[in-house]
Amino acid sequence: RGETLGLVGESGSGKSTVARMILGLIEPDSGT
């Protein structure tokens, strides 16, 4: 809470997928 986490990587590395999982826009296959 209150921090900035930077998620860095080249295009296609999966960064936006992580964002969409947090937002609940896509369902993971597994995990929480």
PDB file of all heavy atoms in Angstrom:
ATOM      1  N   ARG A   1       0.830  -1.194   0.000  1.00  0.00           N
ATOM      2  CA  ARG A   1       0.000   0.000   0.000  1.00  0.00           C
ATOM      3  C   ARG A   1       0.877   1.261   0.000  1.00  0.00           C
ATOM      4  O   ARG A   1       1.800   1.395   0.791  1.00  0.00           O
ATOM      5  CB  ARG A   1      -0.901  -0.006   1.236  1.00  0.00           C
ATOM      6  CG  ARG A   1      -1.977   1.084   1.238  1.00  0.00           C
ATOM      7  CD  ARG A   1      -2.775   1.002   2.515  1.00  0.00           C
ATOM      8  NE  ARG A   1      -3.443  -0.279   2.662  1.00  0.00           N
ATOM      9  CZ  ARG A   1      -4.629  -0.576   2.112  1.00  0.00           C
ATOM     10  NH1 ARG A   1      -5.268   0.339   1.392  1.00  0.00           N
ATOM     11  NH2 ARG A   1      -5.179  -1.773   2.302  1.00  0.00           N
ATOM     12  N   GLY A   2       0.595   2.169  -0.928  1.00  0.00           N
ATOM     13  CA  GLY A   2       1.307   3.434  -0.997  1.00  0.00           C
ATOM     14  C   GLY A   2       2.588   3.425  -1.810  1.00  0.00           C
ATOM     15  O   GLY A   2       3.197   4.475  -2.006  1.00  0.00           O
ATOM     16  N   GLU A   3       3.014   2.270  -2.320  1.00  0.00           N
ATOM     17  CA  GLU A   3       4.254   2.209  -3.078  1.00  0.00           C
ATOM     18  C   GLU A   3       3.973   2.239  -4.581  1.00  0.00           C
ATOM     19  O   GLU A   3       2.834   2.115  -5.036  1.00  0.00           O
ATOM     20  CB  GLU A   3       5.036   0.935  -2.746  1.00  0.00           C
ATOM     21  CG  GLU A   3       4.526  -0.309  -3.461  1.00  0.00           C
ATOM     22  CD  GLU A   3       5.576  -1.429  -3.570  1.00  0.00           C
ATOM     23  OE1 GLU A   3       6.774  -1.132  -3.699  1.00  0.00           O
ATOM     24  OE2 GLU A   3       5.166  -2.605  -3.546  1.00  0.00           O
ATOM     25  N   THR A   4       5.033   2.401  -5.361  1.00  0.00           N
ATOM     26  CA  THR A   4       4.987   2.201  -6.803  1.00  0.00           C
ATOM     27  C   THR A   4       5.835   0.989  -7.130  1.00  0.00           C
ATOM     28  O   THR A   4       7.034   0.967  -6.845  1.00  0.00           O
ATOM     29  CB  THR A   4       5.530   3.415  -7.567  1.00  0.00           C
ATOM     30  OG1 THR A   4       4.703   4.541  -7.305  1.00  0.00           O
ATOM     31  CG2 THR A   4       5.534   3.154  -9.063  1.00  0.00           C
ATOM     32  N   LEU A   5       5.197  -0.025  -7.714  1.00  0.00           N
ATOM     33  CA  LEU A   5       5.930  -1.170  -8.239  1.00  0.00           C
ATOM     34  C   LEU A   5       6.045  -0.983  -9.737  1.00  0.00           C
ATOM     35  O   LEU A   5       5.038  -0.847 -10.441  1.00  0.00           O
ATOM     36  CB  LEU A   5       5.205  -2.482  -7.939  1.00  0.00           C
ATOM     37  CG  LEU A   5       5.847  -3.721  -8.582  1.00  0.00           C
ATOM     38  CD1 LEU A   5       7.203  -4.023  -7.943  1.00  0.00           C
ATOM     39  CD2 LEU A   5       4.936  -4.943  -8.485  1.00  0.00           C
ATOM     40  N   GLY A   6       7.271  -0.949 -10.233  1.00  0.00           N
ATOM     41  CA  GLY A   6       7.509  -0.880 -11.663  1.00  0.00           C
ATOM     42  C   GLY A   6       7.608  -2.278 -12.248  1.00  0.00           C
ATOM     43  O   GLY A   6       8.350  -3.118 -11.730  1.00  0.00           O
ATOM     44  N   LEU A   7       6.840  -2.532 -13.302  1.00  0.00           N
ATOM     45  CA  LEU A   7       6.885  -3.819 -14.002  1.00  0.00           C
ATOM     46  C   LEU A   7       7.464  -3.548 -15.383  1.00  0.00           C
ATOM     47  O   LEU A   7       6.836  -2.878 -16.213  1.00  0.00           O
ATOM     48  CB  LEU A   7       5.483  -4.420 -14.094  1.00  0.00           C
ATOM     49  CG  LEU A   7       5.355  -5.804 -14.747  1.00  0.00           C
ATOM     50  CD1 LEU A   7       6.216  -6.843 -14.011  1.00  0.00           C
ATOM     51  CD2 LEU A   7       3.892  -6.245 -14.790  1.00  0.00           C
ATOM     52  N   VAL A   8       8.658  -4.034 -15.610  1.00  0.00           N
ATOM     53  CA  VAL A   8       9.395  -3.678 -16.816  1.00  0.00           C
ATOM     54  C   VAL A   8       9.726  -4.930 -17.614  1.00  0.00           C
ATOM     55  O   VAL A   8       9.971  -5.999 -17.059  1.00  0.00           O
ATOM     56  CB  VAL A   8      10.677  -2.880 -16.464  1.00  0.00           C
ATOM     57  CG1 VAL A   8      11.651  -3.733 -15.666  1.00  0.00           C
ATOM     58  CG2 VAL A   8      11.334  -2.304 -17.706  1.00  0.00           C
ATOM     59  N   GLY A   9       9.728  -4.771 -18.931  1.00  0.00           N
ATOM     60  CA  GLY A   9      10.072  -5.866 -19.830  1.00  0.00           C
ATOM     61  C   GLY A   9       9.760  -5.457 -21.251  1.00  0.00           C
ATOM     62  O   GLY A   9       9.043  -4.483 -21.494  1.00  0.00           O
ATOM     63  N   GLU A  10      10.272  -6.219 -22.206  1.00  0.00           N
ATOM     64  CA  GLU A  10      10.054  -5.885 -23.608  1.00  0.00           C
ATOM     65  C   GLU A  10       8.604  -6.149 -23.994  1.00  0.00           C
ATOM     66  O   GLU A  10       7.852  -6.802 -23.259  1.00  0.00           O
ATOM     67  CB  GLU A  10      10.997  -6.722 -24.481  1.00  0.00           C
ATOM     68  CG  GLU A  10      10.790  -8.220 -24.351  1.00  0.00           C
ATOM     69  CD  GLU A  10      11.951  -9.020 -24.915  1.00  0.00           C
ATOM     70  OE1 GLU A  10      12.899  -8.407 -25.428  1.00  0.00           O
ATOM     71  OE2 GLU A  10      11.901 -10.261 -24.838  1.00  0.00           O
ATOM     72  N   SER A  11       8.199  -5.640 -25.137  1.00  0.00           N
ATOM     73  CA  SER A  11       6.844  -5.864 -25.638  1.00  0.00           C
ATOM     74  C   SER A  11       6.590  -7.363 -25.798  1.00  0.00           C
ATOM     75  O   SER A  11       7.453  -8.102 -26.286  1.00  0.00           O
ATOM     76  CB  SER A  11       6.660  -5.164 -26.984  1.00  0.00           C
ATOM     77  OG  SER A  11       6.779  -3.769 -26.841  1.00  0.00           O
ATOM     78  N   GLY A  12       5.413  -7.801 -25.366  1.00  0.00           N
ATOM     79  CA  GLY A  12       5.071  -9.217 -25.449  1.00  0.00           C
ATOM     80  C   GLY A  12       5.552 -10.053 -24.293  1.00  0.00           C
ATOM     81  O   GLY A  12       5.383 -11.283 -24.300  1.00  0.00           O
ATOM     82  N   SER A  13       6.108  -9.412 -23.261  1.00  0.00           N
ATOM     83  CA  SER A  13       6.635 -10.186 -22.133  1.00  0.00           C
ATOM     84  C   SER A  13       5.556 -10.629 -21.154  1.00  0.00           C
ATOM     85  O   SER A  13       5.822 -11.453 -20.283  1.00  0.00           O
ATOM     86  CB  SER A  13       7.702  -9.366 -21.385  1.00  0.00           C
ATOM     87  OG  SER A  13       7.153  -8.162 -20.885  1.00  0.00           O
ATOM     88  N   GLY A  14       4.346 -10.071 -21.271  1.00  0.00           N
ATOM     89  CA  GLY A  14       3.259 -10.486 -20.386  1.00  0.00           C
ATOM     90  C   GLY A  14       2.833  -9.446 -19.384  1.00  0.00           C
ATOM     91  O   GLY A  14       1.981  -9.697 -18.532  1.00  0.00           O
ATOM     92  N   LYS A  15       3.387  -8.237 -19.476  1.00  0.00           N
ATOM     93  CA  LYS A  15       3.104  -7.195 -18.487  1.00  0.00           C
ATOM     94  C   LYS A  15       1.625  -6.820 -18.463  1.00  0.00           C
ATOM     95  O   LYS A  15       1.014  -6.718 -17.392  1.00  0.00           O
ATOM     96  CB  LYS A  15       3.956  -5.948 -18.785  1.00  0.00           C
ATOM     97  CG  LYS A  15       5.449  -6.197 -18.868  1.00  0.00           C
ATOM     98  CD  LYS A  15       6.242  -4.918 -19.050  1.00  0.00           C
ATOM     99  CE  LYS A  15       5.870  -4.116 -20.287  1.00  0.00           C
ATOM    100  NZ  LYS A  15       6.156  -4.828 -21.551  1.00  0.00           N
ATOM    101  N   SER A  16       1.045  -6.595 -19.641  1.00  0.00           N
ATOM    102  CA  SER A  16      -0.364  -6.197 -19.696  1.00  0.00           C
ATOM    103  C   SER A  16      -1.284  -7.330 -19.255  1.00  0.00           C
ATOM    104  O   SER A  16      -2.363  -7.074 -18.712  1.00  0.00           O
ATOM    105  CB  SER A  16      -0.734  -5.741 -21.111  1.00  0.00           C
ATOM    106  OG  SER A  16      -0.054  -4.547 -21.441  1.00  0.00           O
ATOM    107  N   THR A  17      -0.857  -8.563 -19.466  1.00  0.00           N
ATOM    108  CA  THR A  17      -1.647  -9.696 -18.982  1.00  0.00           C
ATOM    109  C   THR A  17      -1.730  -9.685 -17.468  1.00  0.00           C
ATOM    110  O   THR A  17      -2.798  -9.927 -16.889  1.00  0.00           O
ATOM    111  CB  THR A  17      -1.025 -11.022 -19.478  1.00  0.00           C
ATOM    112  OG1 THR A  17      -1.065 -11.048 -20.909  1.00  0.00           O
ATOM    113  CG2 THR A  17      -1.777 -12.222 -18.921  1.00  0.00           C
ATOM    114  N   VAL A  18      -0.633  -9.375 -16.813  1.00  0.00           N
ATOM    115  CA  VAL A  18      -0.637  -9.268 -15.348  1.00  0.00           C
ATOM    116  C   VAL A  18      -1.601  -8.166 -14.909  1.00  0.00           C
ATOM    117  O   VAL A  18      -2.393  -8.346 -13.974  1.00  0.00           O
ATOM    118  CB  VAL A  18       0.787  -8.978 -14.825  1.00  0.00           C
ATOM    119  CG1 VAL A  18       0.768  -8.629 -13.338  1.00  0.00           C
ATOM    120  CG2 VAL A  18       1.688 -10.186 -15.074  1.00  0.00           C
ATOM    121  N   ALA A  19      -1.566  -7.034 -15.607  1.00  0.00           N
ATOM    122  CA  ALA A  19      -2.472  -5.932 -15.268  1.00  0.00           C
ATOM    123  C   ALA A  19      -3.925  -6.359 -15.402  1.00  0.00           C
ATOM    124  O   ALA A  19      -4.757  -6.070 -14.525  1.00  0.00           O
ATOM    125  CB  ALA A  19      -2.192  -4.734 -16.174  1.00  0.00           C
ATOM    126  N   ARG A  20      -4.255  -7.050 -16.461  1.00  0.00           N
ATOM    127  CA  ARG A  20      -5.643  -7.452 -16.693  1.00  0.00           C
ATOM    128  C   ARG A  20      -6.103  -8.505 -15.694  1.00  0.00           C
ATOM    129  O   ARG A  20      -7.281  -8.556 -15.339  1.00  0.00           O
ATOM    130  CB  ARG A  20      -5.802  -7.952 -18.127  1.00  0.00           C
ATOM    131  CG  ARG A  20      -5.619  -6.844 -19.161  1.00  0.00           C
ATOM    132  CD  ARG A  20      -5.943  -7.310 -20.564  1.00  0.00           C
ATOM    133  NE  ARG A  20      -5.792  -6.220 -21.523  1.00  0.00           N
ATOM    134  CZ  ARG A  20      -4.757  -6.059 -22.341  1.00  0.00           C
ATOM    135  NH1 ARG A  20      -3.767  -6.942 -22.308  1.00  0.00           N
ATOM    136  NH2 ARG A  20      -4.693  -5.048 -23.169  1.00  0.00           N
ATOM    137  N   MET A  21      -5.174  -9.334 -15.219  1.00  0.00           N
ATOM    138  CA  MET A  21      -5.553 -10.300 -14.183  1.00  0.00           C
ATOM    139  C   MET A  21      -5.879  -9.591 -12.877  1.00  0.00           C
ATOM    140  O   MET A  21      -6.831  -9.953 -12.183  1.00  0.00           O
ATOM    141  CB  MET A  21      -4.433 -11.338 -13.990  1.00  0.00           C
ATOM    142  CG  MET A  21      -4.305 -12.322 -15.135  1.00  0.00           C
ATOM    143  SD  MET A  21      -3.238 -13.761 -14.778  1.00  0.00           S
ATOM    144  CE  MET A  21      -1.638 -12.984 -14.563  1.00  0.00           C
ATOM    145  N   ILE A  22      -5.097  -8.581 -12.522  1.00  0.00           N
ATOM    146  CA  ILE A  22      -5.370  -7.823 -11.301  1.00  0.00           C
ATOM    147  C   ILE A  22      -6.720  -7.126 -11.394  1.00  0.00           C
ATOM    148  O   ILE A  22      -7.512  -7.124 -10.435  1.00  0.00           O
ATOM    149  CB  ILE A  22      -4.255  -6.799 -11.038  1.00  0.00           C
ATOM    150  CG1 ILE A  22      -2.930  -7.511 -10.754  1.00  0.00           C
ATOM    151  CG2 ILE A  22      -4.621  -5.890  -9.855  1.00  0.00           C
ATOM    152  CD1 ILE A  22      -1.730  -6.578 -10.697  1.00  0.00           C
ATOM    153  N   LEU A  23      -7.008  -6.550 -12.557  1.00  0.00           N
ATOM    154  CA  LEU A  23      -8.260  -5.834 -12.762  1.00  0.00           C
ATOM    155  C   LEU A  23      -9.466  -6.762 -12.889  1.00  0.00           C
ATOM    156  O   LEU A  23     -10.610  -6.292 -12.884  1.00  0.00           O
ATOM    157  CB  LEU A  23      -8.158  -4.960 -14.016  1.00  0.00           C
ATOM    158  CG  LEU A  23      -7.234  -3.748 -13.919  1.00  0.00           C
ATOM    159  CD1 LEU A  23      -6.906  -3.215 -15.309  1.00  0.00           C
ATOM    160  CD2 LEU A  23      -7.869  -2.654 -13.063  1.00  0.00           C
ATOM    161  N   GLY A  24      -9.224  -8.048 -13.009  1.00  0.00           N
ATOM    162  CA  GLY A  24     -10.323  -8.998 -13.181  1.00  0.00           C
ATOM    163  C   GLY A  24     -10.895  -9.010 -14.583  1.00  0.00           C
ATOM    164  O   GLY A  24     -12.000  -9.504 -14.805  1.00  0.00           O
ATOM    165  N   LEU A  25     -10.134  -8.499 -15.554  1.00  0.00           N
ATOM    166  CA  LEU A  25     -10.604  -8.461 -16.932  1.00  0.00           C
ATOM    167  C   LEU A  25     -10.385  -9.794 -17.633  1.00  0.00           C
ATOM    168  O   LEU A  25     -11.076 -10.092 -18.623  1.00  0.00           O
ATOM    169  CB  LEU A  25      -9.893  -7.335 -17.700  1.00  0.00           C
ATOM    170  CG  LEU A  25     -10.133  -5.924 -17.162  1.00  0.00           C
ATOM    171  CD1 LEU A  25      -9.327  -4.909 -17.967  1.00  0.00           C
ATOM    172  CD2 LEU A  25     -11.614  -5.576 -17.183  1.00  0.00           C
ATOM    173  N   ILE A  26      -9.419 -10.568 -17.181  1.00  0.00           N
ATOM    174  CA  ILE A  26      -9.225 -11.932 -17.676  1.00  0.00           C
ATOM    175  C   ILE A  26      -8.996 -12.854 -16.483  1.00  0.00           C
ATOM    176  O   ILE A  26      -8.501 -12.425 -15.443  1.00  0.00           O
ATOM    177  CB  ILE A  26      -8.035 -12.043 -18.660  1.00  0.00           C
ATOM    178  CG1 ILE A  26      -6.721 -11.597 -18.007  1.00  0.00           C
ATOM    179  CG2 ILE A  26      -8.300 -11.252 -19.931  1.00  0.00           C
ATOM    180  CD1 ILE A  26      -5.503 -11.831 -18.877  1.00  0.00           C
ATOM    181  N   GLU A  27      -9.370 -14.111 -16.650  1.00  0.00           N
ATOM    182  CA  GLU A  27      -9.177 -15.109 -15.595  1.00  0.00           C
ATOM    183  C   GLU A  27      -7.866 -15.854 -15.818  1.00  0.00           C
ATOM    184  O   GLU A  27      -7.593 -16.315 -16.923  1.00  0.00           O
ATOM    185  CB  GLU A  27     -10.317 -16.123 -15.585  1.00  0.00           C
ATOM    186  CG  GLU A  27     -11.607 -15.632 -14.990  1.00  0.00           C
ATOM    187  CD  GLU A  27     -12.575 -16.788 -14.744  1.00  0.00           C
ATOM    188  OE1 GLU A  27     -12.298 -17.922 -15.197  1.00  0.00           O
ATOM    189  OE2 GLU A  27     -13.604 -16.541 -14.097  1.00  0.00           O
ATOM    190  N   PRO A  28      -7.046 -15.988 -14.785  1.00  0.00           N
ATOM    191  CA  PRO A  28      -5.880 -16.865 -14.900  1.00  0.00           C
ATOM    192  C   PRO A  28      -6.321 -18.323 -15.092  1.00  0.00           C
ATOM    193  O   PRO A  28      -7.444 -18.697 -14.740  1.00  0.00           O
ATOM    194  CB  PRO A  28      -5.160 -16.687 -13.554  1.00  0.00           C
ATOM    195  CG  PRO A  28      -5.745 -15.452 -12.943  1.00  0.00           C
ATOM    196  CD  PRO A  28      -7.139 -15.346 -13.467  1.00  0.00           C
ATOM    197  N   ASP A  29      -5.433 -19.133 -15.632  1.00  0.00           N
ATOM    198  CA  ASP A  29      -5.686 -20.577 -15.685  1.00  0.00           C
ATOM    199  C   ASP A  29      -5.558 -21.183 -14.290  1.00  0.00           C
ATOM    200  O   ASP A  29      -6.239 -22.160 -13.954  1.00  0.00           O
ATOM    201  CB  ASP A  29      -4.684 -21.273 -16.617  1.00  0.00           C
ATOM    202  CG  ASP A  29      -4.757 -20.755 -18.043  1.00  0.00           C
ATOM    203  OD1 ASP A  29      -5.817 -20.209 -18.420  1.00  0.00           O
ATOM    204  OD2 ASP A  29      -3.754 -20.874 -18.759  1.00  0.00           O
ATOM    205  N   SER A  30      -4.667 -20.602 -13.491  1.00  0.00           N
ATOM    206  CA  SER A  30      -4.410 -21.112 -12.149  1.00  0.00           C
ATOM    207  C   SER A  30      -3.771 -20.005 -11.326  1.00  0.00           C
ATOM    208  O   SER A  30      -3.398 -18.955 -11.841  1.00  0.00           O
ATOM    209  CB  SER A  30      -3.476 -22.331 -12.205  1.00  0.00           C
ATOM    210  OG  SER A  30      -2.243 -21.979 -12.819  1.00  0.00           O
ATOM    211  N   GLY A  31      -3.645 -20.259 -10.024  1.00  0.00           N
ATOM    212  CA  GLY A  31      -3.061 -19.276  -9.123  1.00  0.00           C
ATOM    213  C   GLY A  31      -4.134 -18.435  -8.469  1.00  0.00           C
ATOM    214  O   GLY A  31      -5.338 -18.638  -8.673  1.00  0.00           O
ATOM    215  N   THR A  32      -3.702 -17.459  -7.676  1.00  0.00           N
ATOM    216  CA  THR A  32      -4.637 -16.581  -6.978  1.00  0.00           C
ATOM    217  C   THR A  32      -4.231 -15.121  -7.191  1.00  0.00           C
ATOM    218  O   THR A  32      -3.049 -14.805  -7.350  1.00  0.00           O
ATOM    219  CB  THR A  32      -4.679 -16.860  -5.464  1.00  0.00           C
ATOM    220  OG1 THR A  32      -3.360 -16.698  -4.910  1.00  0.00           O
ATOM    221  CG2 THR A  32      -5.179 -18.265  -5.178  1.00  0.00           C
TER     222      THR A  32
END
